Amino acid sequence: MKTHTLHGRALRILVIQAENLNWQHAKNYPYCLHLGFEEGLQANGVECLVLTTPWFSRLQEICGKRQFDQVWINDLTHFCHIDASLEKILNLAPIRVGFVTESVEYHPEEYEAFPWLLERRARIDKQFEYVTHIAAVDEQDVVNLKQRFDKPTMWLPCSMPERYIYEQVSTHAQKIALFSGSVYGKRVNYLEEPRLKNLMAYQKSQNSHFFDSTFFNLLPGHYFCRWINNRLLPAHRLYPVYLDGLRQLRQKAHKLWLQGLQNGAAVVNLPHLVKGYSSRVIEGLASGRPVISWEIPNRPKNTAMFEDEHEILLYSTPEQLANQIERVLSDPAFGEHIAQNARNKVRRFHTTEKRVQQILHWVETGKAQNYGVSSL
């Protein structure tokens, strides 16, 4: 992996990482879209500091006199819910990259069904004022945001730290496909579809153990210990201890989640609001199970990332989903072939180490990245 330097020294990047205060909400934040980026930066020889949002008010104390070449805000979708402004990062680095890991713009009927999306969009828009570059998961957002804000904008699909891509995969425990995630919108109808009830099951999160929940909530600055994050205690001493505890918990929860995805014969990605593959797709592919995903309409680049019938199985209706699950259940060798092809693709084009390298190259050159599809 190439080491990225500037003026003969390692590149310095501050990552402002959105974090919840309560594990009940925090557990749903995928590691690959969270501290996984820290692994990718370190693998590329970048000198990085991660600052989570519960500690954002003490940014100056934690950073000290350090100056950075870039600041990455991961991500604006979640940062917009925090009662803070990014104005204070303006003098920290000349390049400030804002990540957007969910769609910014939605269809009128989606705004009607989920009114909070419109409010969130307005909040995100305000944060774009403070960034110089935008990296968005929705390929259509890339076009729209570039036009609206006249800033370099990159398409940023999900990725996975390489060490979490399984080499050996055990035989699945259940002869059924599994869906894990929040239940809302069209997902309710799919889970209640009569034909799918015997083919697909809903699996609750594997990373919600009482100990982990309590440990997270007791971390300095989090739910039960918000009082610790005050100016009476030295942030430069307390924060590294906090961050080390957060890393351990996040990594443990991530491993449990991937292991949980292996419990079934296939991982199902049901329809969702984000107009790009959700993290569940890359997680399912890394776990070694065939992934059966909703084909997102009008997102050709996203669809082209993984070849249908070769690296992934796509569907558009409940009937098609049932047919795809039956194929995997009736022909395990076919499912294993799909899963192996997908893991090979992820290792080649979609590791976080590779994705970080691509982001750094894009910031430096402005050139669009190739995600393994010649048309891109």
Protein backbone atom coordinates (compact mmCIF):
# COMPACT_ATOMS: atom_id res chain seq x y z
CA MET A 1 0.00 0.00 0.00
CA LYS A 2 1.40 3.40 -1.01
CA THR A 3 2.34 5.75 1.84
CA HIS A 4 0.83 9.19 1.26
CA THR A 5 3.14 12.07 2.06
CA LEU A 6 3.24 15.83 1.82
CA HIS A 7 6.50 17.80 1.80
CA GLY A 8 8.41 14.66 2.75
CA ARG A 9 6.31 13.76 5.79
CA ALA A 10 3.23 11.64 6.42
CA LEU A 11 -0.09 13.19 5.45
CA ARG A 12 -1.99 14.41 8.53
CA ILE A 13 -5.75 13.97 8.64
CA LEU A 14 -8.25 14.73 11.38
CA VAL A 15 -11.36 12.54 11.22
CA ILE A 16 -14.42 14.00 12.94
CA GLN A 17 -16.50 10.89 13.54
CA ALA A 18 -20.22 11.10 14.29
CA GLU A 19 -21.10 9.01 17.37
CA ASN A 20 -24.24 8.48 19.39
CA LEU A 21 -24.38 8.79 23.16
CA ASN A 22 -26.57 5.72 23.74
CA TRP A 23 -25.78 2.18 22.55
CA GLN A 24 -29.44 1.62 21.67
CA HIS A 25 -28.88 3.91 18.69
CA ALA A 26 -25.12 3.60 18.30
CA LYS A 27 -25.14 -0.17 17.71
CA ASN A 28 -26.77 0.35 14.30
CA TYR A 29 -23.86 2.45 13.00
CA PRO A 30 -21.81 0.06 10.78
CA TYR A 31 -18.13 -0.26 11.61
CA CYS A 32 -17.20 -0.07 7.93
CA LEU A 33 -18.74 3.43 7.80
CA HIS A 34 -17.32 4.38 11.19
CA LEU A 35 -13.90 3.57 12.70
CA GLY A 36 -13.18 1.36 9.72
CA PHE A 37 -11.88 4.48 7.96
CA GLU A 38 -9.22 4.84 10.64
CA GLU A 39 -7.86 1.42 9.66
CA GLY A 40 -7.83 2.47 6.01
CA LEU A 41 -5.95 5.68 6.73
CA GLN A 42 -3.34 3.93 8.85
CA ALA A 43 -2.80 1.30 6.15
CA ASN A 44 -2.04 4.14 3.73
CA GLY A 45 0.61 5.61 6.01
CA VAL A 46 -1.51 8.57 7.04
CA GLU A 47 -1.02 10.15 10.45
CA CYS A 48 -4.60 10.44 11.63
CA LEU A 49 -6.50 11.52 14.70
CA VAL A 50 -10.12 10.48 15.22
CA LEU A 51 -12.30 12.88 17.19
CA THR A 52 -15.81 11.64 17.98
CA THR A 53 -18.67 14.11 18.19
CA PRO A 54 -19.32 13.67 21.96
CA TRP A 55 -15.90 15.31 22.36
CA PHE A 56 -16.28 17.88 19.57
CA SER A 57 -16.69 20.72 22.08
CA ARG A 58 -13.13 20.04 23.27
CA LEU A 59 -11.59 19.91 19.82
CA GLN A 60 -9.00 22.61 20.55
CA GLU A 61 -7.79 20.90 23.74
CA ILE A 62 -7.46 17.48 22.07
CA CYS A 63 -5.82 18.74 18.89
CA GLY A 64 -3.57 21.20 20.70
CA LYS A 65 -1.32 23.09 18.32
CA ARG A 66 -1.44 20.38 15.69
CA GLN A 67 -2.24 21.40 12.13
CA PHE A 68 -3.72 19.03 9.59
CA ASP A 69 -3.55 18.70 5.83
CA GLN A 70 -7.13 17.48 5.63
CA VAL A 71 -10.20 17.13 7.82
CA TRP A 72 -12.70 14.37 7.09
CA ILE A 73 -16.20 14.75 8.55
CA ASN A 74 -17.79 11.31 8.77
CA ASP A 75 -20.48 11.97 8.28
CA LEU A 76 -22.65 15.01 7.54
CA THR A 77 -25.80 12.88 7.60
CA HIS A 78 -25.38 12.24 11.32
CA PHE A 79 -23.46 15.37 12.24
CA CYS A 80 -26.47 17.46 11.24
CA HIS A 81 -28.31 16.13 14.32
CA ILE A 82 -25.63 17.48 16.65
CA ASP A 83 -26.09 20.89 18.20
CA ALA A 84 -22.76 22.21 16.94
CA SER A 85 -21.30 24.03 13.97
CA LEU A 86 -18.42 22.97 11.79
CA GLU A 87 -17.21 26.55 11.63
CA LYS A 88 -14.43 25.82 14.11
CA ILE A 89 -12.74 23.41 11.65
CA LEU A 90 -12.18 26.09 9.01
CA ASN A 91 -8.71 26.97 10.27
CA LEU A 92 -7.60 23.39 10.97
CA ALA A 93 -6.92 22.34 7.36
CA PRO A 94 -7.19 23.74 3.83
CA ILE A 95 -8.99 20.61 2.60
CA ARG A 96 -12.18 19.52 4.35
CA VAL A 97 -14.00 16.46 3.01
CA GLY A 98 -17.62 15.95 4.01
CA PHE A 99 -18.88 12.35 3.81
CA VAL A 100 -22.57 11.68 3.14
CA THR A 101 -23.39 8.02 3.85
CA GLU A 102 -27.12 8.29 3.17
CA SER A 103 -29.03 9.94 0.33
CA VAL A 104 -29.55 13.69 0.62
CA GLU A 105 -32.42 14.05 -1.84
CA TYR A 106 -35.55 11.88 -2.03
CA HIS A 107 -38.75 11.56 -4.04
CA PRO A 108 -41.85 13.61 -3.05
CA GLU A 109 -43.70 10.49 -1.87
CA GLU A 110 -40.76 9.64 0.42
CA TYR A 111 -40.81 13.11 1.97
CA GLU A 112 -44.54 12.66 2.52
CA ALA A 113 -44.06 9.29 4.24
CA PHE A 114 -41.01 10.41 6.21
CA PRO A 115 -41.28 14.20 6.81
CA TRP A 116 -38.08 14.26 8.88
CA LEU A 117 -36.09 13.69 5.69
CA LEU A 118 -36.87 17.21 4.50
CA GLU A 119 -35.70 18.73 7.77
CA ARG A 120 -32.54 16.63 7.68
CA ARG A 121 -31.78 17.78 4.15
CA ALA A 122 -31.95 21.41 5.25
CA ARG A 123 -29.57 20.68 8.13
CA ILE A 124 -27.11 18.84 5.89
CA ASP A 125 -27.18 21.67 3.36
CA LYS A 126 -25.96 24.10 6.03
CA GLN A 127 -22.95 21.88 6.77
CA PHE A 128 -21.82 21.89 3.13
CA GLU A 129 -20.77 25.52 3.65
CA TYR A 130 -17.80 24.35 5.71
CA VAL A 131 -16.38 21.64 3.43
CA THR A 132 -14.27 21.93 0.30
CA HIS A 133 -15.01 18.42 -1.04
CA ILE A 134 -18.03 16.09 -0.84
CA ALA A 135 -18.04 12.25 -0.93
CA ALA A 136 -21.54 10.80 -1.33
CA VAL A 137 -22.89 7.25 -1.34
CA ASP A 138 -25.75 8.09 -3.74
CA GLU A 139 -24.53 8.45 -7.32
CA GLN A 140 -27.37 10.85 -8.18
CA ASP A 141 -26.50 13.02 -5.19
CA VAL A 142 -23.01 13.33 -6.65
CA VAL A 143 -24.47 15.00 -9.74
CA ASN A 144 -26.98 17.15 -7.86
CA LEU A 145 -24.66 18.31 -5.08
CA LYS A 146 -21.92 19.25 -7.52
CA GLN A 147 -24.39 21.43 -9.39
CA ARG A 148 -25.90 22.98 -6.27
CA PHE A 149 -22.71 23.72 -4.33
CA ASP A 150 -20.06 23.87 -7.08
CA LYS A 151 -17.61 21.74 -5.11
CA PRO A 152 -15.65 18.61 -6.12
CA THR A 153 -17.92 15.66 -5.45
CA MET A 154 -17.03 11.96 -5.44
CA TRP A 155 -19.18 8.84 -5.53
CA LEU A 156 -18.29 6.77 -2.45
CA PRO A 157 -19.77 3.24 -2.25
CA CYS A 158 -19.41 1.22 0.95
CA SER A 159 -16.19 -0.69 1.60
CA MET A 160 -14.84 -3.18 4.15
CA PRO A 161 -11.50 -3.37 6.01
CA GLU A 162 -9.69 -6.28 4.41
CA ARG A 163 -9.08 -8.21 7.63
CA TYR A 164 -12.85 -8.69 8.03
CA ILE A 165 -13.31 -10.48 4.70
CA TYR A 166 -13.68 -14.15 5.61
CA GLU A 167 -11.33 -16.67 4.03
CA GLN A 168 -13.04 -19.78 5.39
CA VAL A 169 -16.80 -19.85 5.88
CA SER A 170 -18.57 -22.47 7.97
CA THR A 171 -21.69 -24.28 6.81
CA HIS A 172 -24.77 -22.20 7.52
CA ALA A 173 -26.79 -23.17 10.57
CA GLN A 174 -30.24 -22.53 9.11
CA LYS A 175 -31.66 -23.43 5.71
CA ILE A 176 -33.32 -20.07 5.41
CA ALA A 177 -32.36 -16.58 4.24
CA LEU A 178 -31.94 -13.92 6.90
CA PHE A 179 -32.70 -10.21 7.02
CA SER A 180 -31.13 -8.05 9.74
CA GLY A 181 -31.89 -4.38 10.17
CA SER A 182 -34.57 -1.83 10.94
CA VAL A 183 -38.12 -2.64 9.89
CA TYR A 184 -39.94 0.25 8.16
CA GLY A 185 -41.68 1.16 4.91
CA LYS A 186 -41.75 -1.55 2.23
CA ARG A 187 -39.80 -3.91 4.46
CA VAL A 188 -42.92 -4.50 6.54
CA ASN A 189 -44.78 -5.78 3.48
CA TYR A 190 -41.92 -8.05 2.48
CA LEU A 191 -41.69 -9.62 5.93
CA GLU A 192 -45.43 -10.24 5.90
CA GLU A 193 -45.49 -11.72 2.37
CA PRO A 194 -46.98 -15.26 2.71
CA ARG A 195 -44.59 -16.97 0.30
CA LEU A 196 -41.54 -15.39 1.95
CA LYS A 197 -42.49 -16.39 5.50
CA ASN A 198 -41.08 -19.90 5.03
CA LEU A 199 -38.04 -18.71 3.10
CA MET A 200 -36.82 -15.66 5.01
CA ALA A 201 -36.58 -14.80 8.69
CA TYR A 202 -35.91 -11.58 10.54
CA GLN A 203 -32.81 -11.73 12.75
CA LYS A 204 -32.30 -9.25 15.56
CA SER A 205 -28.97 -7.53 16.03
CA GLN A 206 -26.21 -9.80 17.33
CA ASN A 207 -24.36 -6.91 19.02
CA SER A 208 -26.79 -5.84 21.72
CA HIS A 209 -25.38 -7.67 24.75
CA PHE A 210 -26.06 -6.07 28.12
CA PHE A 211 -22.36 -5.78 28.96
CA ASP A 212 -21.55 -4.01 25.68
CA SER A 213 -24.49 -1.67 26.07
CA THR A 214 -23.48 -0.74 29.61
CA PHE A 215 -19.81 -0.38 28.70
CA PHE A 216 -20.61 1.96 25.79
CA ASN A 217 -23.00 4.10 27.83
CA LEU A 218 -20.40 4.41 30.60
CA LEU A 219 -17.64 5.64 28.29
CA PRO A 220 -16.58 9.21 29.17
CA GLY A 221 -18.82 11.66 27.36
CA HIS A 222 -21.53 9.09 26.60
CA TYR A 223 -25.02 8.57 28.04
CA PHE A 224 -24.28 7.84 31.72
CA CYS A 225 -21.01 9.75 31.90
CA ARG A 226 -21.68 12.96 30.03
CA TRP A 227 -20.61 14.83 33.16
CA ILE A 228 -17.06 13.46 32.81
CA ASN A 229 -16.65 15.37 29.56
CA ASN A 230 -16.21 18.73 31.20
CA ARG A 231 -13.38 21.19 31.41
CA LEU A 232 -12.35 20.15 34.92
CA LEU A 233 -10.68 17.00 33.56
CA PRO A 234 -7.72 17.06 31.10
CA ALA A 235 -9.05 16.06 27.69
CA HIS A 236 -5.61 15.20 26.27
CA ARG A 237 -5.28 12.46 28.94
CA LEU A 238 -8.85 11.22 29.12
CA TYR A 239 -9.70 11.14 25.43
CA PRO A 240 -7.10 8.51 24.32
CA VAL A 241 -8.42 6.14 27.00
CA TYR A 242 -11.97 6.78 25.78
CA LEU A 243 -11.05 6.19 22.14
CA ASP A 244 -9.25 2.94 22.89
CA GLY A 245 -12.33 1.63 24.73
CA LEU A 246 -14.57 2.68 21.85
CA ARG A 247 -12.35 0.91 19.32
CA GLN A 248 -12.45 -2.34 21.29
CA LEU A 249 -16.22 -2.26 21.61
CA ARG A 250 -16.86 -1.28 18.00
CA GLN A 251 -14.57 -3.99 16.67
CA LYS A 252 -16.11 -6.65 18.90
CA ALA A 253 -19.64 -5.64 17.86
CA HIS A 254 -18.62 -5.69 14.19
CA LYS A 255 -17.27 -9.24 14.44
CA LEU A 256 -20.45 -10.42 16.16
CA TRP A 257 -22.54 -8.79 13.47
CA LEU A 258 -20.62 -10.50 10.64
CA GLN A 259 -20.86 -13.84 12.44
CA GLY A 260 -24.60 -13.33 12.79
CA LEU A 261 -24.92 -12.82 9.04
CA GLN A 262 -23.47 -16.31 8.59
CA ASN A 263 -26.36 -17.95 10.46
CA GLY A 264 -28.48 -18.29 7.35
CA ALA A 265 -28.04 -19.59 3.82
CA ALA A 266 -28.16 -16.07 2.35
CA VAL A 267 -28.20 -12.42 3.41
CA VAL A 268 -31.19 -10.43 2.19
CA ASN A 269 -31.06 -6.69 1.62
CA LEU A 270 -34.65 -5.43 1.68
CA PRO A 271 -35.73 -2.07 0.12
CA HIS A 272 -34.43 0.98 1.95
CA LEU A 273 -34.40 4.76 1.71
CA VAL A 274 -30.73 5.13 0.79
CA LYS A 275 -30.27 5.01 -3.00
CA GLY A 276 -27.06 3.03 -2.88
CA TYR A 277 -26.17 -0.39 -1.53
CA SER A 278 -26.52 -0.33 2.24
CA SER A 279 -23.64 -1.45 4.42
CA ARG A 280 -25.48 -4.76 4.84
CA VAL A 281 -24.56 -5.68 1.27
CA ILE A 282 -20.80 -5.27 1.70
CA GLU A 283 -21.03 -6.89 5.15
CA GLY A 284 -22.93 -9.87 3.75
CA LEU A 285 -20.43 -10.28 0.91
CA ALA A 286 -17.50 -10.10 3.35
CA SER A 287 -19.13 -12.65 5.67
CA GLY A 288 -19.09 -15.24 2.89
CA ARG A 289 -22.82 -15.68 2.33
CA PRO A 290 -24.53 -15.01 -1.00
CA VAL A 291 -26.30 -11.65 -0.93
CA ILE A 292 -29.76 -11.19 -2.42
CA SER A 293 -30.40 -7.50 -2.81
CA TRP A 294 -33.13 -5.13 -3.88
CA GLU A 295 -32.11 -3.60 -7.21
CA ILE A 296 -32.16 0.15 -6.64
CA PRO A 297 -34.03 1.85 -9.50
CA ASN A 298 -32.23 4.42 -11.65
CA ARG A 299 -28.82 3.86 -10.11
CA PRO A 300 -26.89 2.13 -12.94
CA LYS A 301 -23.41 2.61 -11.42
CA ASN A 302 -24.54 1.05 -8.16
CA THR A 303 -26.08 -1.92 -9.98
CA ALA A 304 -22.91 -2.42 -12.03
CA MET A 305 -20.68 -2.73 -8.94
CA PHE A 306 -21.45 -6.43 -8.58
CA GLU A 307 -22.49 -8.62 -11.49
CA ASP A 308 -25.99 -10.05 -11.16
CA GLU A 309 -26.11 -13.87 -11.20
CA HIS A 310 -22.33 -14.00 -10.78
CA GLU A 311 -21.43 -11.98 -7.65
CA ILE A 312 -24.85 -10.99 -6.32
CA LEU A 313 -28.52 -11.89 -6.86
CA LEU A 314 -30.94 -9.03 -7.52
CA TYR A 315 -34.72 -8.70 -7.27
CA SER A 316 -37.37 -6.01 -7.68
CA THR A 317 -40.52 -7.69 -6.34
CA PRO A 318 -41.41 -10.07 -3.48
CA GLU A 319 -42.01 -12.81 -6.05
CA GLN A 320 -38.54 -12.37 -7.52
CA LEU A 321 -37.01 -12.38 -4.04
CA ALA A 322 -38.75 -15.67 -3.23
CA ASN A 323 -37.45 -17.19 -6.47
CA GLN A 324 -33.88 -16.12 -5.72
CA ILE A 325 -33.98 -17.53 -2.19
CA GLU A 326 -35.35 -20.84 -3.49
CA ARG A 327 -32.46 -21.04 -5.98
CA VAL A 328 -29.89 -20.67 -3.20
CA LEU A 329 -31.63 -23.12 -0.88
CA SER A 330 -32.06 -25.77 -3.57
CA ASP A 331 -28.51 -25.44 -4.92
CA PRO A 332 -25.98 -24.72 -2.13
CA ALA A 333 -23.06 -25.02 -4.56
CA PHE A 334 -24.53 -22.20 -6.65
CA GLY A 335 -24.82 -20.02 -3.57
CA GLU A 336 -21.24 -20.75 -2.52
CA HIS A 337 -20.02 -19.92 -6.03
CA ILE A 338 -21.80 -16.56 -5.95
CA ALA A 339 -20.38 -15.82 -2.50
CA GLN A 340 -16.80 -16.71 -3.48
CA ASN A 341 -16.95 -14.54 -6.60
CA ALA A 342 -18.25 -11.67 -4.50
CA ARG A 343 -15.47 -11.97 -1.91
CA ASN A 344 -12.90 -11.89 -4.70
CA LYS A 345 -14.49 -8.71 -6.05
CA VAL A 346 -14.53 -7.06 -2.63
CA ARG A 347 -10.87 -7.90 -2.02
CA ARG A 348 -9.87 -6.45 -5.36
CA PHE A 349 -11.94 -3.27 -5.47
CA HIS A 350 -13.86 -2.62 -2.25
CA THR A 351 -11.57 -2.87 0.74
CA THR A 352 -11.46 0.19 2.97
CA GLU A 353 -7.71 0.35 2.45
CA LYS A 354 -8.34 0.66 -1.29
CA ARG A 355 -11.22 3.10 -0.82
CA VAL A 356 -9.14 5.44 1.33
CA GLN A 357 -6.39 5.31 -1.28
CA GLN A 358 -9.00 6.29 -3.89
CA ILE A 359 -10.29 9.19 -1.81
CA LEU A 360 -6.77 10.53 -1.30
CA HIS A 361 -6.00 10.21 -5.02
CA TRP A 362 -9.26 11.97 -5.93
CA VAL A 363 -8.56 14.86 -3.56
CA GLU A 364 -5.08 15.22 -5.05
CA THR A 365 -5.97 14.84 -8.74
CA GLY A 366 -9.74 15.31 -9.07
CA LYS A 367 -9.95 12.11 -11.11
CA ALA A 368 -12.99 9.81 -10.79
CA GLN A 369 -12.34 6.33 -9.43
CA ASN A 370 -12.83 2.89 -10.96
CA TYR A 371 -14.84 0.49 -8.80
CA GLY A 372 -14.26 -2.57 -10.96
CA VAL A 373 -16.67 -1.77 -13.78
CA SER A 374 -15.24 -0.68 -17.13
CA SER A 375 -18.17 1.68 -17.80
CA LEU A 376 -17.18 3.78 -14.78
